[in-house]
């Protein structure tokens, strides 16, 4: 975080502690938090509380659709995301199922990840891209976390809806806290808990995944009537050669 933002967060923490406003129950029971840890906690609270009306509308819609999840015959992660994309498109959202993939680098092992992408247009025609992740909180789980990190990660919502800037700020804050937690417990920091790997999940090159409705396959972000045809290798018949019967 930049110096101006840090100063603003420090001032916010001072005002919060000195005020008579109620403190979240779980946080008020943590008596051994350092000032830096308190700053991270309130910074995360501020980020999560900065949602726009559009984000709130999408989140409520996603929650409503997820309550119908038990109607699915299949409950795998991919099938749930596929079903949710189709449901959001039926509700008028320009939604798509995105898959990121990245190759192994020096400080980041390769992998792939899926999340939902929604494009919102305002009255002026400006587009806003929202990332929807229905398995967001579990991405930040740690082995043997400290009480401080547990308290911080428990603040994360199970379902994330927000723009890229909001997500980047959360990743930066949680990865910093995870590094401190692992250091305190004497554990090695695995590559998949570093900032580079977490960024790769949502910010690598994205490919739209075809969604399936019944037995029909449709491309995410398009109408349900569009079809995706599967290319097959054409059968080539061998030509018959006439070797002749002459001497």
C-alpha atoms as a PDB file:
ATOM      1  CA  UNK A   1       0.000   0.000   0.000  1.00  0.00           C
ATOM      2  CA  UNK A   2       1.154   3.512  -0.700  1.00  0.00           C
ATOM      3  CA  UNK A   3       2.164   5.929   2.039  1.00  0.00           C
ATOM      4  CA  UNK A   4      -0.975   8.055   1.652  1.00  0.00           C
ATOM      5  CA  UNK A   5      -3.222   5.039   1.971  1.00  0.00           C
ATOM      6  CA  UNK A   6      -1.261   3.783   4.974  1.00  0.00           C
ATOM      7  CA  UNK A   7      -1.614   7.160   6.699  1.00  0.00           C
ATOM      8  CA  UNK A   8      -5.341   7.147   5.981  1.00  0.00           C
ATOM      9  CA  UNK A   9      -5.707   3.633   7.384  1.00  0.00           C
ATOM     10  CA  UNK A  10      -3.707   4.507  10.497  1.00  0.00           C
ATOM     11  CA  UNK A  11      -5.924   7.540  11.082  1.00  0.00           C
ATOM     12  CA  UNK A  12      -9.005   5.410  10.534  1.00  0.00           C
ATOM     13  CA  UNK A  13      -7.812   2.880  13.111  1.00  0.00           C
ATOM     14  CA  UNK A  14      -7.163   5.633  15.661  1.00  0.00           C
ATOM     15  CA  UNK A  15     -10.637   7.069  15.120  1.00  0.00           C
ATOM     16  CA  UNK A  16     -12.221   3.631  15.298  1.00  0.00           C
ATOM     17  CA  UNK A  17     -10.490   2.694  18.565  1.00  0.00           C
ATOM     18  CA  UNK A  18     -11.288   6.038  20.169  1.00  0.00           C
ATOM     19  CA  UNK A  19     -14.903   6.037  19.061  1.00  0.00           C
ATOM     20  CA  UNK A  20     -17.744   4.459  21.027  1.00  0.00           C
ATOM     21  CA  UNK A  21     -18.957   2.467  18.049  1.00  0.00           C
ATOM     22  CA  UNK A  22     -19.321  -1.262  18.516  1.00  0.00           C
ATOM     23  CA  UNK A  23     -16.455  -3.515  17.507  1.00  0.00           C
ATOM     24  CA  UNK A  24     -17.021  -6.872  15.776  1.00  0.00           C
ATOM     25  CA  UNK A  25     -17.304  -9.550  18.462  1.00  0.00           C
ATOM     26  CA  UNK A  26     -14.566 -11.817  17.131  1.00  0.00           C
ATOM     27  CA  UNK A  27     -12.097  -8.971  16.805  1.00  0.00           C
ATOM     28  CA  UNK A  28     -12.855  -7.481  20.234  1.00  0.00           C
ATOM     29  CA  UNK A  29     -11.830 -10.786  21.824  1.00  0.00           C
ATOM     30  CA  UNK A  30      -8.354 -10.662  20.223  1.00  0.00           C
ATOM     31  CA  UNK A  31      -6.320  -8.862  22.879  1.00  0.00           C
ATOM     32  CA  UNK A  32      -2.857  -9.601  21.576  1.00  0.00           C
ATOM     33  CA  UNK A  33      -3.097  -8.044  18.099  1.00  0.00           C
ATOM     34  CA  UNK A  34      -0.351  -5.622  17.187  1.00  0.00           C
ATOM     35  CA  UNK A  35      -1.154  -2.245  15.690  1.00  0.00           C
ATOM     36  CA  UNK A  36      -0.059  -3.496  12.260  1.00  0.00           C
ATOM     37  CA  UNK A  37      -2.432  -6.462  12.567  1.00  0.00           C
ATOM     38  CA  UNK A  38      -5.279  -4.172  13.575  1.00  0.00           C
ATOM     39  CA  UNK A  39      -4.536  -1.982  10.575  1.00  0.00           C
ATOM     40  CA  UNK A  40      -4.792  -4.959   8.226  1.00  0.00           C
ATOM     41  CA  UNK A  41      -8.041  -6.035   9.809  1.00  0.00           C
ATOM     42  CA  UNK A  42      -9.687  -2.643   9.400  1.00  0.00           C
ATOM     43  CA  UNK A  43      -8.195  -2.252   5.916  1.00  0.00           C
ATOM     44  CA  UNK A  44      -9.914  -5.483   4.886  1.00  0.00           C
ATOM     45  CA  UNK A  45     -13.162  -4.296   6.457  1.00  0.00           C
ATOM     46  CA  UNK A  46     -12.927  -1.096   4.442  1.00  0.00           C
ATOM     47  CA  UNK A  47     -12.248  -2.943   1.169  1.00  0.00           C
ATOM     48  CA  UNK A  48     -15.139  -5.354   1.658  1.00  0.00           C
ATOM     49  CA  UNK A  49     -17.456  -2.524   2.632  1.00  0.00           C
ATOM     50  CA  UNK A  50     -16.680  -0.449  -0.461  1.00  0.00           C
ATOM     51  CA  UNK A  51     -19.013  -2.365  -2.768  1.00  0.00           C
ATOM     52  CA  UNK A  52     -21.106  -0.465  -5.305  1.00  0.00           C
ATOM     53  CA  UNK A  53     -24.849  -0.773  -5.819  1.00  0.00           C
ATOM     54  CA  UNK A  54     -24.210  -2.840  -8.937  1.00  0.00           C
ATOM     55  CA  UNK A  55     -21.986  -5.253  -7.013  1.00  0.00           C
ATOM     56  CA  UNK A  56     -24.641  -5.600  -4.314  1.00  0.00           C
ATOM     57  CA  UNK A  57     -27.291  -6.307  -6.939  1.00  0.00           C
ATOM     58  CA  UNK A  58     -25.179  -8.999  -8.588  1.00  0.00           C
ATOM     59  CA  UNK A  59     -24.270 -10.547  -5.226  1.00  0.00           C
ATOM     60  CA  UNK A  60     -27.893 -10.779  -4.129  1.00  0.00           C
ATOM     61  CA  UNK A  61     -28.796 -12.344  -7.453  1.00  0.00           C
ATOM     62  CA  UNK A  62     -25.982 -14.889  -7.142  1.00  0.00           C
ATOM     63  CA  UNK A  63     -27.028 -15.767  -3.584  1.00  0.00           C
ATOM     64  CA  UNK A  64     -30.621 -16.221  -4.702  1.00  0.00           C
ATOM     65  CA  UNK A  65     -29.551 -18.522  -7.508  1.00  0.00           C
ATOM     66  CA  UNK A  66     -27.220 -20.490  -5.245  1.00  0.00           C
ATOM     67  CA  UNK A  67     -30.128 -21.287  -2.940  1.00  0.00           C
ATOM     68  CA  UNK A  68     -31.505 -23.341  -5.809  1.00  0.00           C
ATOM     69  CA  UNK A  69     -28.306 -25.369  -6.039  1.00  0.00           C
ATOM     70  CA  UNK A  70     -29.945 -28.457  -4.560  1.00  0.00           C
ATOM     71  CA  UNK A  71     -32.065 -28.690  -7.702  1.00  0.00           C
ATOM     72  CA  UNK A  72     -28.981 -29.723  -9.659  1.00  0.00           C
ATOM     73  CA  UNK A  73     -28.436 -33.391 -10.369  1.00  0.00           C
ATOM     74  CA  UNK A  74     -24.680 -32.818 -10.333  1.00  0.00           C
ATOM     75  CA  UNK A  75     -22.976 -30.789  -7.645  1.00  0.00           C
ATOM     76  CA  UNK A  76     -19.380 -30.667  -8.853  1.00  0.00           C
ATOM     77  CA  UNK A  77     -17.696 -27.281  -8.864  1.00  0.00           C
ATOM     78  CA  UNK A  78     -17.741 -27.034 -12.668  1.00  0.00           C
ATOM     79  CA  UNK A  79     -21.387 -28.048 -12.973  1.00  0.00           C
ATOM     80  CA  UNK A  80     -22.457 -25.509 -10.347  1.00  0.00           C
ATOM     81  CA  UNK A  81     -20.560 -22.702 -12.100  1.00  0.00           C
ATOM     82  CA  UNK A  82     -21.979 -23.776 -15.456  1.00  0.00           C
ATOM     83  CA  UNK A  83     -25.503 -23.764 -14.049  1.00  0.00           C
ATOM     84  CA  UNK A  84     -24.983 -20.398 -12.356  1.00  0.00           C
ATOM     85  CA  UNK A  85     -23.775 -18.772 -15.586  1.00  0.00           C
ATOM     86  CA  UNK A  86     -26.863 -19.998 -17.446  1.00  0.00           C
ATOM     87  CA  UNK A  87     -29.113 -18.753 -14.612  1.00  0.00           C
ATOM     88  CA  UNK A  88     -27.475 -15.328 -14.593  1.00  0.00           C
ATOM     89  CA  UNK A  89     -27.871 -15.040 -18.373  1.00  0.00           C
ATOM     90  CA  UNK A  90     -31.559 -15.904 -18.009  1.00  0.00           C
ATOM     91  CA  UNK A  91     -31.812 -13.009 -15.539  1.00  0.00           C
ATOM     92  CA  UNK A  92     -30.387 -10.631 -18.139  1.00  0.00           C
ATOM     93  CA  UNK A  93     -26.737 -10.518 -17.095  1.00  0.00           C
ATOM     94  CA  UNK A  94     -23.936 -10.790 -19.640  1.00  0.00           C
ATOM     95  CA  UNK A  95     -22.182 -13.616 -17.823  1.00  0.00           C
ATOM     96  CA  UNK A  96     -19.514 -16.061 -18.945  1.00  0.00           C
ATOM     97  CA  UNK A  97     -17.499 -18.878 -17.458  1.00  0.00           C
ATOM     98  CA  UNK A  98     -13.797 -18.044 -17.657  1.00  0.00           C
ATOM     99  CA  UNK A  99     -10.812 -20.315 -17.301  1.00  0.00           C
ATOM    100  CA  UNK A 100      -7.350 -18.957 -16.676  1.00  0.00           C
ATOM    101  CA  UNK A 101      -4.198 -20.960 -17.247  1.00  0.00           C
ATOM    102  CA  UNK A 102      -0.544 -20.143 -16.782  1.00  0.00           C
ATOM    103  CA  UNK A 103       2.760 -21.888 -17.254  1.00  0.00           C
ATOM    104  CA  UNK A 104       5.351 -22.584 -14.595  1.00  0.00           C
ATOM    105  CA  UNK A 105       7.830 -19.792 -13.943  1.00  0.00           C
ATOM    106  CA  UNK A 106      10.714 -19.366 -11.536  1.00  0.00           C
ATOM    107  CA  UNK A 107       8.567 -18.275  -8.593  1.00  0.00           C
ATOM    108  CA  UNK A 108       5.137 -19.527  -9.652  1.00  0.00           C
ATOM    109  CA  UNK A 109       4.037 -23.101 -10.461  1.00  0.00           C
ATOM    110  CA  UNK A 110       1.694 -23.499 -13.411  1.00  0.00           C
ATOM    111  CA  UNK A 111      -2.007 -24.161 -13.028  1.00  0.00           C
ATOM    112  CA  UNK A 112      -5.519 -23.251 -14.091  1.00  0.00           C
ATOM    113  CA  UNK A 113      -8.606 -21.806 -12.437  1.00  0.00           C
ATOM    114  CA  UNK A 114     -12.274 -21.061 -13.203  1.00  0.00           C
ATOM    115  CA  UNK A 115     -14.434 -18.129 -12.186  1.00  0.00           C
ATOM    116  CA  UNK A 116     -17.440 -16.224 -13.528  1.00  0.00           C
ATOM    117  CA  UNK A 117     -17.153 -12.969 -15.443  1.00  0.00           C
ATOM    118  CA  UNK A 118     -19.980 -10.414 -15.716  1.00  0.00           C
ATOM    119  CA  UNK A 119     -19.934  -7.301 -17.894  1.00  0.00           C
ATOM    120  CA  UNK A 120     -22.188  -4.441 -16.772  1.00  0.00           C
ATOM    121  CA  UNK A 121     -22.987  -1.387 -18.893  1.00  0.00           C
ATOM    122  CA  UNK A 122     -24.167   1.858 -17.314  1.00  0.00           C
ATOM    123  CA  UNK A 123     -26.461   4.513 -18.785  1.00  0.00           C
ATOM    124  CA  UNK A 124     -23.537   6.147 -20.588  1.00  0.00           C
ATOM    125  CA  UNK A 125     -22.514   2.907 -22.263  1.00  0.00           C
ATOM    126  CA  UNK A 126     -19.414   2.444 -20.109  1.00  0.00           C
ATOM    127  CA  UNK A 127     -18.583  -1.169 -19.331  1.00  0.00           C
ATOM    128  CA  UNK A 128     -17.597  -2.525 -15.926  1.00  0.00           C
ATOM    129  CA  UNK A 129     -16.133  -5.998 -15.536  1.00  0.00           C
ATOM    130  CA  UNK A 130     -17.041  -7.839 -12.356  1.00  0.00           C
ATOM    131  CA  UNK A 131     -15.415 -11.025 -11.127  1.00  0.00           C
ATOM    132  CA  UNK A 132     -17.706 -13.533  -9.418  1.00  0.00           C
ATOM    133  CA  UNK A 133     -16.092 -16.351  -7.437  1.00  0.00           C
ATOM    134  CA  UNK A 134     -18.388 -18.726  -5.532  1.00  0.00           C
ATOM    135  CA  UNK A 135     -15.478 -20.473  -3.802  1.00  0.00           C
ATOM    136  CA  UNK A 136     -13.509 -17.396  -2.838  1.00  0.00           C
ATOM    137  CA  UNK A 137     -12.858 -17.807   0.871  1.00  0.00           C
ATOM    138  CA  UNK A 138     -11.349 -21.283   0.607  1.00  0.00           C
ATOM    139  CA  UNK A 139      -8.634 -20.003  -1.752  1.00  0.00           C
ATOM    140  CA  UNK A 140      -6.932 -18.312   1.210  1.00  0.00           C
ATOM    141  CA  UNK A 141      -6.925 -21.227   3.655  1.00  0.00           C
ATOM    142  CA  UNK A 142      -3.646 -22.023   5.402  1.00  0.00           C
ATOM    143  CA  UNK A 143      -2.246 -25.019   7.229  1.00  0.00           C
ATOM    144  CA  UNK A 144      -1.915 -24.347  10.962  1.00  0.00           C
ATOM    145  CA  UNK A 145      -2.876 -20.650  10.718  1.00  0.00           C
ATOM    146  CA  UNK A 146      -2.311 -18.267  13.585  1.00  0.00           C
ATOM    147  CA  UNK A 147      -5.305 -16.890  15.443  1.00  0.00           C
ATOM    148  CA  UNK A 148      -4.675 -13.528  13.811  1.00  0.00           C
ATOM    149  CA  UNK A 149      -4.757 -14.940  10.290  1.00  0.00           C
ATOM    150  CA  UNK A 150      -7.828 -17.055  11.068  1.00  0.00           C
ATOM    151  CA  UNK A 151      -9.633 -13.977  12.272  1.00  0.00           C
ATOM    152  CA  UNK A 152      -8.634 -12.076   9.154  1.00  0.00           C
ATOM    153  CA  UNK A 153      -9.535 -14.833   6.680  1.00  0.00           C
ATOM    154  CA  UNK A 154     -12.842 -15.496   8.429  1.00  0.00           C
ATOM    155  CA  UNK A 155     -13.810 -11.949   7.468  1.00  0.00           C
ATOM    156  CA  UNK A 156     -13.682 -12.900   3.774  1.00  0.00           C
ATOM    157  CA  UNK A 157     -17.033 -13.643   2.133  1.00  0.00           C
ATOM    158  CA  UNK A 158     -17.640 -17.147   0.734  1.00  0.00           C
ATOM    159  CA  UNK A 159     -18.788 -15.510  -2.524  1.00  0.00           C
ATOM    160  CA  UNK A 160     -16.796 -12.626  -3.993  1.00  0.00           C
ATOM    161  CA  UNK A 161     -18.276 -10.036  -6.343  1.00  0.00           C
ATOM    162  CA  UNK A 162     -16.112  -7.071  -7.287  1.00  0.00           C
ATOM    163  CA  UNK A 163     -13.845  -5.444  -9.829  1.00  0.00           C
ATOM    164  CA  UNK A 164     -10.188  -6.214 -10.450  1.00  0.00           C
ATOM    165  CA  UNK A 165      -8.871  -3.384  -8.287  1.00  0.00           C
ATOM    166  CA  UNK A 166     -10.850  -4.580  -5.278  1.00  0.00           C
ATOM    167  CA  UNK A 167      -9.603  -8.137  -5.778  1.00  0.00           C
ATOM    168  CA  UNK A 168      -5.978  -7.055  -6.139  1.00  0.00           C
ATOM    169  CA  UNK A 169      -6.140  -5.178  -2.831  1.00  0.00           C
ATOM    170  CA  UNK A 170      -7.568  -8.216  -1.036  1.00  0.00           C
ATOM    171  CA  UNK A 171      -4.922 -10.537  -2.495  1.00  0.00           C
ATOM    172  CA  UNK A 172      -2.114  -8.171  -1.488  1.00  0.00           C
ATOM    173  CA  UNK A 173      -3.400  -7.866   2.068  1.00  0.00           C
ATOM    174  CA  UNK A 174      -4.150 -11.575   2.621  1.00  0.00           C
ATOM    175  CA  UNK A 175      -0.879 -12.784   1.082  1.00  0.00           C
ATOM    176  CA  UNK A 176       1.049 -10.442   3.349  1.00  0.00           C
ATOM    177  CA  UNK A 177      -0.858 -11.756   6.372  1.00  0.00           C
ATOM    178  CA  UNK A 178      -0.367 -15.368   5.229  1.00  0.00           C
ATOM    179  CA  UNK A 179       3.387 -14.837   4.958  1.00  0.00           C
ATOM    180  CA  UNK A 180       3.475 -13.509   8.512  1.00  0.00           C
ATOM    181  CA  UNK A 181       1.319 -16.370   9.786  1.00  0.00           C
ATOM    182  CA  UNK A 182       3.510 -19.052   8.217  1.00  0.00           C
ATOM    183  CA  UNK A 183       6.648 -17.339   9.490  1.00  0.00           C
ATOM    184  CA  UNK A 184       5.306 -17.287  13.052  1.00  0.00           C
ATOM    185  CA  UNK A 185       4.420 -20.989  12.955  1.00  0.00           C
ATOM    186  CA  UNK A 186       7.799 -21.924  11.472  1.00  0.00           C
ATOM    187  CA  UNK A 187       6.379 -23.200   8.190  1.00  0.00           C
ATOM    188  CA  UNK A 188       7.799 -22.711   4.721  1.00  0.00           C
ATOM    189  CA  UNK A 189       5.812 -20.405   2.437  1.00  0.00           C
ATOM    190  CA  UNK A 190       4.518 -22.624  -0.391  1.00  0.00           C
ATOM    191  CA  UNK A 191       4.562 -21.167  -3.914  1.00  0.00           C
ATOM    192  CA  UNK A 192       0.767 -21.461  -4.177  1.00  0.00           C
ATOM    193  CA  UNK A 193       0.338 -19.013  -1.298  1.00  0.00           C
ATOM    194  CA  UNK A 194       2.541 -16.323  -2.767  1.00  0.00           C
ATOM    195  CA  UNK A 195       1.127 -13.192  -4.386  1.00  0.00           C
ATOM    196  CA  UNK A 196       2.270 -14.177  -7.896  1.00  0.00           C
ATOM    197  CA  UNK A 197       0.365 -17.467  -7.798  1.00  0.00           C
ATOM    198  CA  UNK A 198      -2.789 -15.923  -6.339  1.00  0.00           C
ATOM    199  CA  UNK A 199      -2.711 -13.191  -8.992  1.00  0.00           C
ATOM    200  CA  UNK A 200      -2.396 -15.853 -11.686  1.00  0.00           C
ATOM    201  CA  UNK A 201      -5.720 -17.400 -10.681  1.00  0.00           C
ATOM    202  CA  UNK A 202      -7.778 -14.374 -11.647  1.00  0.00           C
ATOM    203  CA  UNK A 203      -5.492 -12.233 -13.810  1.00  0.00           C
ATOM    204  CA  UNK A 204      -3.871 -14.671 -16.233  1.00  0.00           C
ATOM    205  CA  UNK A 205      -5.046 -14.928 -19.826  1.00  0.00           C
ATOM    206  CA  UNK A 206      -8.688 -15.944 -19.756  1.00  0.00           C
ATOM    207  CA  UNK A 207     -10.551 -18.270 -22.126  1.00  0.00           C
ATOM    208  CA  UNK A 208     -14.343 -18.466 -22.252  1.00  0.00           C
ATOM    209  CA  UNK A 209     -15.593 -21.946 -21.448  1.00  0.00           C
ATOM    210  CA  UNK A 210     -18.659 -23.194 -23.366  1.00  0.00           C
ATOM    211  CA  UNK A 211     -21.580 -23.667 -21.008  1.00  0.00           C
ATOM    212  CA  UNK A 212     -24.032 -26.511 -21.354  1.00  0.00           C
ATOM    213  CA  UNK A 213     -27.806 -26.406 -21.082  1.00  0.00           C
ATOM    214  CA  UNK A 214     -29.184 -29.912 -21.176  1.00  0.00           C
ATOM    215  CA  UNK A 215     -27.606 -31.608 -24.195  1.00  0.00           C
ATOM    216  CA  UNK A 216     -26.906 -28.337 -26.000  1.00  0.00           C
ATOM    217  CA  UNK A 217     -23.606 -26.560 -25.721  1.00  0.00           C
ATOM    218  CA  UNK A 218     -23.560 -22.749 -25.857  1.00  0.00           C
ATOM    219  CA  UNK A 219     -20.745 -20.278 -25.682  1.00  0.00           C
ATOM    220  CA  UNK A 220     -20.685 -18.146 -22.523  1.00  0.00           C
ATOM    221  CA  UNK A 221     -21.832 -14.608 -23.040  1.00  0.00           C
ATOM    222  CA  UNK A 222     -23.973 -15.451 -26.091  1.00  0.00           C
ATOM    223  CA  UNK A 223     -27.608 -16.362 -26.536  1.00  0.00           C
ATOM    224  CA  UNK A 224     -28.714 -19.877 -25.716  1.00  0.00           C
ATOM    225  CA  UNK A 225     -29.660 -20.553 -29.342  1.00  0.00           C
ATOM    226  CA  UNK A 226     -26.095 -20.348 -30.643  1.00  0.00           C
ATOM    227  CA  UNK A 227     -24.438 -23.694 -31.235  1.00  0.00           C
ATOM    228  CA  UNK A 228     -20.838 -24.782 -30.984  1.00  0.00           C
ATOM    229  CA  UNK A 229     -20.062 -27.444 -33.565  1.00  0.00           C
ATOM    230  CA  UNK A 230     -17.325 -29.950 -32.982  1.00  0.00           C
ATOM    231  CA  UNK A 231     -14.734 -30.305 -35.748  1.00  0.00           C
ATOM    232  CA  UNK A 232     -13.788 -33.849 -36.714  1.00  0.00           C
ATOM    233  CA  UNK A 233     -11.113 -35.132 -39.024  1.00  0.00           C
ATOM    234  CA  UNK A 234     -12.651 -35.775 -42.476  1.00  0.00           C
ATOM    235  CA  UNK A 235     -12.499 -39.311 -43.843  1.00  0.00           C
ATOM    236  CA  UNK A 236     -10.280 -39.517 -46.900  1.00  0.00           C
ATOM    237  CA  UNK A 237     -10.938 -42.430 -49.264  1.00  0.00           C
ATOM    238  CA  UNK A 238      -7.819 -43.875 -50.901  1.00  0.00           C
ATOM    239  CA  UNK A 239      -7.647 -43.540 -54.657  1.00  0.00           C
ATOM    240  CA  UNK A 240      -7.590 -46.761 -56.671  1.00  0.00           C
ATOM    241  CA  UNK A 241      -4.578 -46.979 -58.919  1.00  0.00           C
ATOM    242  CA  UNK A 242      -4.774 -48.732 -62.263  1.00  0.00           C
ATOM    243  CA  UNK A 243      -1.470 -50.395 -62.891  1.00  0.00           C
ATOM    244  CA  UNK A 244      -2.596 -51.595 -66.309  1.00  0.00           C
ATOM    245  CA  UNK A 245      -2.319 -55.029 -67.810  1.00  0.00           C
ATOM    246  CA  UNK A 246       0.161 -54.326 -70.606  1.00  0.00           C
ATOM    247  CA  UNK A 247       3.373 -56.175 -70.991  1.00  0.00           C
END
